[in-house]
């Protein structure tokens, strides 16, 4: 992240509430302006992430998605509207970001993240957001970030329950939590067949944006070595300690990647 000195008068007005935050101030806002963040998936989780990071003034937002907006997405993917149905999710999201904060630079990646292209995508950014909806893709993001030494924030929601954790180099990774139990059948059922509480997806995405801002500015304590579990039906937040697995073949060993 390269520092950019001197906020303009417009920036001081736009980011005034962040400038007032203890520990953030002008340096934190400048760090946000200099940061490069990759958001993989601009659906339910990615929608609040993209909106809040754009609002916070993150300098460069990379967006990865290859889907189009479906009417069934609108229950939870709040960056898209009814008139966007049938449009590329990337184009829809980019339009909203430019309307919200034209100073944010967008880098559009109209591809589906895979094990073959994950490393080449994540290595160009300071922080990565896992906002995808298949476990296979989540593990591809995890493995690429571990190999590249890139921090990322994972989240997932199913039904009334969501989870979140942040990885930084040296900490336990997502594969330490999941192990290799998904290796044979890593893909979840198709999203339209899954029950998901729309507003809970927004909560988890907002928490991912919060973790990103904290990492970039150095404010607060990240959710590393911990798994946050949110049960919306009972309105409980539970934090589970995560231990690094000696058998983890991601953060405990070496992975080879083929770049596109």
C-alpha atoms as a PDB file:
ATOM      1  CA  UNK A   1       0.000   0.000   0.000  1.00  0.00           C
ATOM      2  CA  UNK A   2       1.505   3.313  -1.063  1.00  0.00           C
ATOM      3  CA  UNK A   3       0.714   6.336   1.059  1.00  0.00           C
ATOM      4  CA  UNK A   4      -0.992   9.335  -0.590  1.00  0.00           C
ATOM      5  CA  UNK A   5      -0.566  12.509   1.510  1.00  0.00           C
ATOM      6  CA  UNK A   6      -2.953  15.403   1.840  1.00  0.00           C
ATOM      7  CA  UNK A   7      -6.692  14.864   1.854  1.00  0.00           C
ATOM      8  CA  UNK A   8      -8.706  17.326  -0.192  1.00  0.00           C
ATOM      9  CA  UNK A   9     -11.429  19.460   1.375  1.00  0.00           C
ATOM     10  CA  UNK A  10     -14.056  17.227  -0.261  1.00  0.00           C
ATOM     11  CA  UNK A  11     -12.393  14.116   1.164  1.00  0.00           C
ATOM     12  CA  UNK A  12     -12.249  15.651   4.632  1.00  0.00           C
ATOM     13  CA  UNK A  13     -15.981  16.278   4.451  1.00  0.00           C
ATOM     14  CA  UNK A  14     -16.834  12.861   2.965  1.00  0.00           C
ATOM     15  CA  UNK A  15     -14.758  10.890   5.482  1.00  0.00           C
ATOM     16  CA  UNK A  16     -15.272  13.185   8.467  1.00  0.00           C
ATOM     17  CA  UNK A  17     -16.798  10.467  10.679  1.00  0.00           C
ATOM     18  CA  UNK A  18     -13.801   8.224  10.075  1.00  0.00           C
ATOM     19  CA  UNK A  19     -11.407  11.097  10.698  1.00  0.00           C
ATOM     20  CA  UNK A  20     -12.992  11.454  14.138  1.00  0.00           C
ATOM     21  CA  UNK A  21     -12.465   7.787  15.075  1.00  0.00           C
ATOM     22  CA  UNK A  22      -9.764   7.238  17.735  1.00  0.00           C
ATOM     23  CA  UNK A  23      -6.803   5.477  16.179  1.00  0.00           C
ATOM     24  CA  UNK A  24      -7.870   6.121  12.604  1.00  0.00           C
ATOM     25  CA  UNK A  25      -7.697   9.824  11.809  1.00  0.00           C
ATOM     26  CA  UNK A  26      -6.108  11.164   8.641  1.00  0.00           C
ATOM     27  CA  UNK A  27      -3.479   8.428   8.439  1.00  0.00           C
ATOM     28  CA  UNK A  28      -6.145   5.725   8.473  1.00  0.00           C
ATOM     29  CA  UNK A  29      -8.165   7.428   5.753  1.00  0.00           C
ATOM     30  CA  UNK A  30      -5.014   7.800   3.666  1.00  0.00           C
ATOM     31  CA  UNK A  31      -4.263   4.120   4.129  1.00  0.00           C
ATOM     32  CA  UNK A  32      -7.745   3.251   2.900  1.00  0.00           C
ATOM     33  CA  UNK A  33      -7.268   5.506  -0.116  1.00  0.00           C
ATOM     34  CA  UNK A  34      -3.997   3.736  -0.945  1.00  0.00           C
ATOM     35  CA  UNK A  35      -5.312   0.192  -0.480  1.00  0.00           C
ATOM     36  CA  UNK A  36      -6.115  -2.452  -3.086  1.00  0.00           C
ATOM     37  CA  UNK A  37      -8.864  -4.910  -2.108  1.00  0.00           C
ATOM     38  CA  UNK A  38     -10.150  -7.879  -4.116  1.00  0.00           C
ATOM     39  CA  UNK A  39     -13.779  -8.920  -3.612  1.00  0.00           C
ATOM     40  CA  UNK A  40     -14.482 -12.380  -5.018  1.00  0.00           C
ATOM     41  CA  UNK A  41     -18.224 -12.523  -5.627  1.00  0.00           C
ATOM     42  CA  UNK A  42     -20.608  -9.561  -5.797  1.00  0.00           C
ATOM     43  CA  UNK A  43     -23.691 -11.376  -4.549  1.00  0.00           C
ATOM     44  CA  UNK A  44     -25.124 -11.589  -1.034  1.00  0.00           C
ATOM     45  CA  UNK A  45     -21.893 -11.202   0.940  1.00  0.00           C
ATOM     46  CA  UNK A  46     -20.114  -9.121  -1.676  1.00  0.00           C
ATOM     47  CA  UNK A  47     -22.897  -6.547  -1.959  1.00  0.00           C
ATOM     48  CA  UNK A  48     -22.457  -4.910   1.475  1.00  0.00           C
ATOM     49  CA  UNK A  49     -18.685  -5.429   1.304  1.00  0.00           C
ATOM     50  CA  UNK A  50     -18.414  -3.502  -1.975  1.00  0.00           C
ATOM     51  CA  UNK A  51     -20.773  -0.731  -0.870  1.00  0.00           C
ATOM     52  CA  UNK A  52     -19.118  -0.157   2.513  1.00  0.00           C
ATOM     53  CA  UNK A  53     -15.570  -0.309   1.165  1.00  0.00           C
ATOM     54  CA  UNK A  54     -16.459   2.115  -1.620  1.00  0.00           C
ATOM     55  CA  UNK A  55     -18.106   4.397   0.943  1.00  0.00           C
ATOM     56  CA  UNK A  56     -14.965   4.196   3.113  1.00  0.00           C
ATOM     57  CA  UNK A  57     -12.816   5.325   0.189  1.00  0.00           C
ATOM     58  CA  UNK A  58     -10.774   2.212  -0.546  1.00  0.00           C
ATOM     59  CA  UNK A  59      -8.582   3.306  -3.447  1.00  0.00           C
ATOM     60  CA  UNK A  60      -8.863   0.257  -5.706  1.00  0.00           C
ATOM     61  CA  UNK A  61     -11.603  -2.358  -5.619  1.00  0.00           C
ATOM     62  CA  UNK A  62     -11.105  -5.473  -7.709  1.00  0.00           C
ATOM     63  CA  UNK A  63     -14.356  -7.310  -8.418  1.00  0.00           C
ATOM     64  CA  UNK A  64     -14.502 -10.949  -9.525  1.00  0.00           C
ATOM     65  CA  UNK A  65     -17.740 -12.492 -10.803  1.00  0.00           C
ATOM     66  CA  UNK A  66     -19.009 -14.195 -13.954  1.00  0.00           C
ATOM     67  CA  UNK A  67     -22.744 -14.360 -13.171  1.00  0.00           C
ATOM     68  CA  UNK A  68     -25.753 -12.305 -14.202  1.00  0.00           C
ATOM     69  CA  UNK A  69     -28.410 -10.957 -11.852  1.00  0.00           C
ATOM     70  CA  UNK A  70     -31.363 -13.291 -11.310  1.00  0.00           C
ATOM     71  CA  UNK A  71     -34.637 -12.204  -9.718  1.00  0.00           C
ATOM     72  CA  UNK A  72     -34.044 -14.754  -6.929  1.00  0.00           C
ATOM     73  CA  UNK A  73     -30.854 -12.856  -5.985  1.00  0.00           C
ATOM     74  CA  UNK A  74     -32.745  -9.707  -4.997  1.00  0.00           C
ATOM     75  CA  UNK A  75     -33.854 -11.108  -1.617  1.00  0.00           C
ATOM     76  CA  UNK A  76     -30.292 -10.635  -0.311  1.00  0.00           C
ATOM     77  CA  UNK A  77     -27.982  -9.107  -2.951  1.00  0.00           C
ATOM     78  CA  UNK A  78     -28.787  -5.495  -2.143  1.00  0.00           C
ATOM     79  CA  UNK A  79     -26.348  -3.924  -4.592  1.00  0.00           C
ATOM     80  CA  UNK A  80     -28.613  -5.077  -7.446  1.00  0.00           C
ATOM     81  CA  UNK A  81     -32.146  -3.901  -8.261  1.00  0.00           C
ATOM     82  CA  UNK A  82     -35.081  -5.222 -10.251  1.00  0.00           C
ATOM     83  CA  UNK A  83     -33.974  -3.361 -13.365  1.00  0.00           C
ATOM     84  CA  UNK A  84     -30.614  -5.179 -13.182  1.00  0.00           C
ATOM     85  CA  UNK A  85     -32.135  -8.633 -13.709  1.00  0.00           C
ATOM     86  CA  UNK A  86     -30.358 -10.241 -16.649  1.00  0.00           C
ATOM     87  CA  UNK A  87     -27.375  -7.846 -16.453  1.00  0.00           C
ATOM     88  CA  UNK A  88     -23.839  -8.774 -15.510  1.00  0.00           C
ATOM     89  CA  UNK A  89     -23.375  -8.567 -11.750  1.00  0.00           C
ATOM     90  CA  UNK A  90     -20.072  -6.808 -12.359  1.00  0.00           C
ATOM     91  CA  UNK A  91     -21.642  -4.074 -14.477  1.00  0.00           C
ATOM     92  CA  UNK A  92     -24.489  -3.657 -12.000  1.00  0.00           C
ATOM     93  CA  UNK A  93     -22.114  -3.392  -9.030  1.00  0.00           C
ATOM     94  CA  UNK A  94     -19.724  -1.061 -10.864  1.00  0.00           C
ATOM     95  CA  UNK A  95     -22.576   1.306 -11.641  1.00  0.00           C
ATOM     96  CA  UNK A  96     -23.546   1.526  -7.958  1.00  0.00           C
ATOM     97  CA  UNK A  97     -19.942   2.062  -6.838  1.00  0.00           C
ATOM     98  CA  UNK A  98     -19.399   4.907  -9.309  1.00  0.00           C
ATOM     99  CA  UNK A  99     -22.611   6.560  -8.147  1.00  0.00           C
ATOM    100  CA  UNK A 100     -21.614   6.205  -4.489  1.00  0.00           C
ATOM    101  CA  UNK A 101     -17.957   7.230  -4.721  1.00  0.00           C
ATOM    102  CA  UNK A 102     -16.488   8.186  -8.107  1.00  0.00           C
ATOM    103  CA  UNK A 103     -12.984   8.416  -6.598  1.00  0.00           C
ATOM    104  CA  UNK A 104     -12.796   4.636  -6.179  1.00  0.00           C
ATOM    105  CA  UNK A 105     -10.945   2.891  -9.004  1.00  0.00           C
ATOM    106  CA  UNK A 106     -12.526  -0.366 -10.183  1.00  0.00           C
ATOM    107  CA  UNK A 107     -10.706  -3.348 -11.651  1.00  0.00           C
ATOM    108  CA  UNK A 108     -13.183  -5.737 -13.238  1.00  0.00           C
ATOM    109  CA  UNK A 109     -12.437  -9.457 -13.556  1.00  0.00           C
ATOM    110  CA  UNK A 110     -15.227 -11.107 -15.548  1.00  0.00           C
ATOM    111  CA  UNK A 111     -14.137 -14.644 -14.695  1.00  0.00           C
ATOM    112  CA  UNK A 112     -15.052 -17.423 -12.325  1.00  0.00           C
ATOM    113  CA  UNK A 113     -12.314 -17.939  -9.745  1.00  0.00           C
ATOM    114  CA  UNK A 114     -10.778 -21.403  -9.970  1.00  0.00           C
ATOM    115  CA  UNK A 115      -7.725 -23.180  -8.604  1.00  0.00           C
ATOM    116  CA  UNK A 116      -5.949 -22.316 -11.874  1.00  0.00           C
ATOM    117  CA  UNK A 117      -6.457 -18.535 -11.806  1.00  0.00           C
ATOM    118  CA  UNK A 118      -6.809 -17.840  -8.049  1.00  0.00           C
ATOM    119  CA  UNK A 119      -3.146 -17.106  -7.388  1.00  0.00           C
ATOM    120  CA  UNK A 120      -2.796 -14.699 -10.312  1.00  0.00           C
ATOM    121  CA  UNK A 121      -5.893 -12.826  -9.096  1.00  0.00           C
ATOM    122  CA  UNK A 122      -5.069 -12.478  -5.398  1.00  0.00           C
ATOM    123  CA  UNK A 123      -1.368 -11.650  -5.700  1.00  0.00           C
ATOM    124  CA  UNK A 124      -2.077  -8.121  -7.012  1.00  0.00           C
ATOM    125  CA  UNK A 125      -4.074  -7.014  -3.943  1.00  0.00           C
ATOM    126  CA  UNK A 126      -3.445  -6.116  -0.300  1.00  0.00           C
ATOM    127  CA  UNK A 127      -6.507  -7.893   1.104  1.00  0.00           C
ATOM    128  CA  UNK A 128      -9.000 -10.415  -0.282  1.00  0.00           C
ATOM    129  CA  UNK A 129     -12.678 -11.000   0.511  1.00  0.00           C
ATOM    130  CA  UNK A 130     -14.150 -14.493   0.208  1.00  0.00           C
ATOM    131  CA  UNK A 131     -17.739 -13.704  -0.816  1.00  0.00           C
ATOM    132  CA  UNK A 132     -18.411 -16.827  -2.887  1.00  0.00           C
ATOM    133  CA  UNK A 133     -21.066 -19.459  -2.231  1.00  0.00           C
ATOM    134  CA  UNK A 134     -19.312 -22.777  -2.834  1.00  0.00           C
ATOM    135  CA  UNK A 135     -16.900 -24.444  -0.456  1.00  0.00           C
ATOM    136  CA  UNK A 136     -14.625 -25.440  -3.315  1.00  0.00           C
ATOM    137  CA  UNK A 137     -14.178 -21.791  -4.324  1.00  0.00           C
ATOM    138  CA  UNK A 138     -13.667 -20.758  -0.705  1.00  0.00           C
ATOM    139  CA  UNK A 139     -10.847 -23.261  -0.369  1.00  0.00           C
ATOM    140  CA  UNK A 140      -9.355 -22.112  -3.683  1.00  0.00           C
ATOM    141  CA  UNK A 141      -9.256 -18.551  -2.288  1.00  0.00           C
ATOM    142  CA  UNK A 142      -7.785 -19.819   0.979  1.00  0.00           C
ATOM    143  CA  UNK A 143      -5.046 -21.832  -0.703  1.00  0.00           C
ATOM    144  CA  UNK A 144      -4.096 -19.029  -3.103  1.00  0.00           C
ATOM    145  CA  UNK A 145      -3.931 -16.443  -0.315  1.00  0.00           C
ATOM    146  CA  UNK A 146      -1.819 -18.717   1.884  1.00  0.00           C
ATOM    147  CA  UNK A 147       0.562 -19.405  -1.015  1.00  0.00           C
ATOM    148  CA  UNK A 148       0.802 -15.695  -1.890  1.00  0.00           C
ATOM    149  CA  UNK A 149       1.055 -14.523   1.713  1.00  0.00           C
ATOM    150  CA  UNK A 150      -2.126 -12.459   1.345  1.00  0.00           C
ATOM    151  CA  UNK A 151      -4.591 -11.840   4.182  1.00  0.00           C
ATOM    152  CA  UNK A 152      -8.264 -12.535   3.533  1.00  0.00           C
ATOM    153  CA  UNK A 153     -11.612 -12.595   5.298  1.00  0.00           C
ATOM    154  CA  UNK A 154     -13.872 -15.641   4.971  1.00  0.00           C
ATOM    155  CA  UNK A 155     -17.596 -15.670   5.610  1.00  0.00           C
ATOM    156  CA  UNK A 156     -20.438 -18.035   4.817  1.00  0.00           C
ATOM    157  CA  UNK A 157     -24.158 -18.256   5.575  1.00  0.00           C
ATOM    158  CA  UNK A 158     -26.570 -21.154   5.517  1.00  0.00           C
ATOM    159  CA  UNK A 159     -30.085 -20.870   6.862  1.00  0.00           C
ATOM    160  CA  UNK A 160     -30.054 -18.778  10.034  1.00  0.00           C
ATOM    161  CA  UNK A 161     -26.360 -19.390  10.795  1.00  0.00           C
ATOM    162  CA  UNK A 162     -23.295 -17.549   9.531  1.00  0.00           C
ATOM    163  CA  UNK A 163     -19.581 -17.747  10.233  1.00  0.00           C
ATOM    164  CA  UNK A 164     -16.559 -15.484   9.769  1.00  0.00           C
ATOM    165  CA  UNK A 165     -12.812 -15.613  10.253  1.00  0.00           C
ATOM    166  CA  UNK A 166      -9.843 -13.587   9.048  1.00  0.00           C
ATOM    167  CA  UNK A 167      -6.586 -15.118   7.897  1.00  0.00           C
ATOM    168  CA  UNK A 168      -3.215 -13.376   8.076  1.00  0.00           C
ATOM    169  CA  UNK A 169       0.104 -15.086   7.298  1.00  0.00           C
ATOM    170  CA  UNK A 170       1.140 -17.255  10.232  1.00  0.00           C
ATOM    171  CA  UNK A 171      -2.388 -17.735  11.565  1.00  0.00           C
ATOM    172  CA  UNK A 172      -4.590 -20.824  11.098  1.00  0.00           C
ATOM    173  CA  UNK A 173      -6.321 -20.845   7.715  1.00  0.00           C
ATOM    174  CA  UNK A 174      -9.777 -21.948   6.612  1.00  0.00           C
ATOM    175  CA  UNK A 175      -8.483 -25.389   5.689  1.00  0.00           C
ATOM    176  CA  UNK A 176      -7.375 -25.811   9.320  1.00  0.00           C
ATOM    177  CA  UNK A 177     -11.072 -25.480  10.213  1.00  0.00           C
ATOM    178  CA  UNK A 178     -12.536 -27.566   7.399  1.00  0.00           C
ATOM    179  CA  UNK A 179      -9.735 -30.038   6.819  1.00  0.00           C
ATOM    180  CA  UNK A 180      -9.972 -32.071   3.624  1.00  0.00           C
ATOM    181  CA  UNK A 181     -13.494 -33.314   4.258  1.00  0.00           C
ATOM    182  CA  UNK A 182     -14.732 -31.421   1.194  1.00  0.00           C
ATOM    183  CA  UNK A 183     -12.111 -32.771  -1.172  1.00  0.00           C
ATOM    184  CA  UNK A 184     -14.357 -35.399  -2.738  1.00  0.00           C
ATOM    185  CA  UNK A 185     -17.438 -33.190  -3.054  1.00  0.00           C
ATOM    186  CA  UNK A 186     -16.353 -29.606  -2.490  1.00  0.00           C
ATOM    187  CA  UNK A 187     -19.353 -27.889  -4.069  1.00  0.00           C
ATOM    188  CA  UNK A 188     -22.424 -26.983  -2.094  1.00  0.00           C
ATOM    189  CA  UNK A 189     -25.802 -27.481  -3.628  1.00  0.00           C
ATOM    190  CA  UNK A 190     -26.795 -24.769  -6.092  1.00  0.00           C
ATOM    191  CA  UNK A 191     -27.593 -21.477  -4.285  1.00  0.00           C
ATOM    192  CA  UNK A 192     -31.257 -21.422  -5.378  1.00  0.00           C
ATOM    193  CA  UNK A 193     -31.818 -24.719  -3.533  1.00  0.00           C
ATOM    194  CA  UNK A 194     -30.422 -23.363  -0.255  1.00  0.00           C
ATOM    195  CA  UNK A 195     -32.391 -21.629   2.485  1.00  0.00           C
ATOM    196  CA  UNK A 196     -30.632 -18.373   3.409  1.00  0.00           C
ATOM    197  CA  UNK A 197     -31.846 -15.506   5.595  1.00  0.00           C
ATOM    198  CA  UNK A 198     -31.201 -12.447   3.425  1.00  0.00           C
ATOM    199  CA  UNK A 199     -30.545  -9.939   6.181  1.00  0.00           C
ATOM    200  CA  UNK A 200     -28.044 -12.261   7.890  1.00  0.00           C
ATOM    201  CA  UNK A 201     -25.969 -12.319   4.710  1.00  0.00           C
ATOM    202  CA  UNK A 202     -25.882  -8.524   4.996  1.00  0.00           C
ATOM    203  CA  UNK A 203     -24.666  -8.749   8.587  1.00  0.00           C
ATOM    204  CA  UNK A 204     -21.796 -11.089   7.689  1.00  0.00           C
ATOM    205  CA  UNK A 205     -20.834  -9.030   4.635  1.00  0.00           C
ATOM    206  CA  UNK A 206     -20.790  -5.884   6.762  1.00  0.00           C
ATOM    207  CA  UNK A 207     -18.524  -7.636   9.259  1.00  0.00           C
ATOM    208  CA  UNK A 208     -16.191  -8.602   6.408  1.00  0.00           C
ATOM    209  CA  UNK A 209     -16.014  -4.952   5.357  1.00  0.00           C
ATOM    210  CA  UNK A 210     -15.264  -4.044   8.978  1.00  0.00           C
ATOM    211  CA  UNK A 211     -12.416  -6.567   9.171  1.00  0.00           C
ATOM    212  CA  UNK A 212     -10.995  -5.168   5.927  1.00  0.00           C
ATOM    213  CA  UNK A 213     -11.043  -1.584   7.198  1.00  0.00           C
ATOM    214  CA  UNK A 214      -9.440  -2.686  10.475  1.00  0.00           C
ATOM    215  CA  UNK A 215      -6.669  -4.549   8.672  1.00  0.00           C
ATOM    216  CA  UNK A 216      -5.870  -1.648   6.355  1.00  0.00           C
ATOM    217  CA  UNK A 217      -5.889   1.019   9.066  1.00  0.00           C
ATOM    218  CA  UNK A 218      -4.435  -1.075  11.885  1.00  0.00           C
ATOM    219  CA  UNK A 219      -7.341  -0.179  14.185  1.00  0.00           C
ATOM    220  CA  UNK A 220      -8.717  -2.806  16.555  1.00  0.00           C
ATOM    221  CA  UNK A 221      -8.217  -6.576  16.782  1.00  0.00           C
ATOM    222  CA  UNK A 222      -8.874  -8.879  13.845  1.00  0.00           C
ATOM    223  CA  UNK A 223     -10.886 -12.098  14.037  1.00  0.00           C
ATOM    224  CA  UNK A 224      -7.795 -14.266  13.544  1.00  0.00           C
ATOM    225  CA  UNK A 225      -7.293 -17.626  15.265  1.00  0.00           C
ATOM    226  CA  UNK A 226     -11.028 -17.442  15.958  1.00  0.00           C
ATOM    227  CA  UNK A 227     -14.216 -18.448  14.153  1.00  0.00           C
ATOM    228  CA  UNK A 228     -17.186 -16.165  14.796  1.00  0.00           C
ATOM    229  CA  UNK A 229     -20.481 -18.066  14.598  1.00  0.00           C
ATOM    230  CA  UNK A 230     -23.693 -16.029  14.354  1.00  0.00           C
ATOM    231  CA  UNK A 231     -27.059 -17.715  14.972  1.00  0.00           C
ATOM    232  CA  UNK A 232     -29.720 -15.234  13.876  1.00  0.00           C
ATOM    233  CA  UNK A 233     -32.623 -17.377  15.101  1.00  0.00           C
ATOM    234  CA  UNK A 234     -31.345 -17.177  18.685  1.00  0.00           C
ATOM    235  CA  UNK A 235     -29.443 -13.891  18.139  1.00  0.00           C
ATOM    236  CA  UNK A 236     -26.246 -15.294  19.578  1.00  0.00           C
ATOM    237  CA  UNK A 237     -22.631 -14.547  18.671  1.00  0.00           C
ATOM    238  CA  UNK A 238     -20.161 -17.261  19.665  1.00  0.00           C
ATOM    239  CA  UNK A 239     -16.400 -17.178  19.181  1.00  0.00           C
ATOM    240  CA  UNK A 240     -14.559 -20.467  18.782  1.00  0.00           C
ATOM    241  CA  UNK A 241     -10.788 -20.733  19.060  1.00  0.00           C
ATOM    242  CA  UNK A 242      -9.066 -22.109  15.950  1.00  0.00           C
ATOM    243  CA  UNK A 243      -5.829 -24.059  16.185  1.00  0.00           C
ATOM    244  CA  UNK A 244      -3.361 -24.424  13.341  1.00  0.00           C
ATOM    245  CA  UNK A 245      -3.433 -27.979  12.039  1.00  0.00           C
ATOM    246  CA  UNK A 246      -0.116 -29.746  11.571  1.00  0.00           C
ATOM    247  CA  UNK A 247      -1.830 -31.797   8.857  1.00  0.00           C
ATOM    248  CA  UNK A 248      -3.093 -28.746   6.933  1.00  0.00           C
ATOM    249  CA  UNK A 249      -1.624 -29.012   3.443  1.00  0.00           C
ATOM    250  CA  UNK A 250      -2.288 -25.314   2.833  1.00  0.00           C
ATOM    251  CA  UNK A 251      -0.699 -23.277   5.649  1.00  0.00           C
ATOM    252  CA  UNK A 252       1.264 -26.288   6.854  1.00  0.00           C
ATOM    253  CA  UNK A 253       2.837 -27.229   3.547  1.00  0.00           C
ATOM    254  CA  UNK A 254       3.512 -26.153  -0.007  1.00  0.00           C
ATOM    255  CA  UNK A 255       0.918 -25.886  -2.763  1.00  0.00           C
ATOM    256  CA  UNK A 256       1.638 -25.688  -6.471  1.00  0.00           C
ATOM    257  CA  UNK A 257      -0.586 -23.484  -8.615  1.00  0.00           C
ATOM    258  CA  UNK A 258      -1.036 -23.187 -12.368  1.00  0.00           C
ATOM    259  CA  UNK A 259      -1.587 -19.551 -13.353  1.00  0.00           C
ATOM    260  CA  UNK A 260      -3.663 -18.624 -16.355  1.00  0.00           C
END
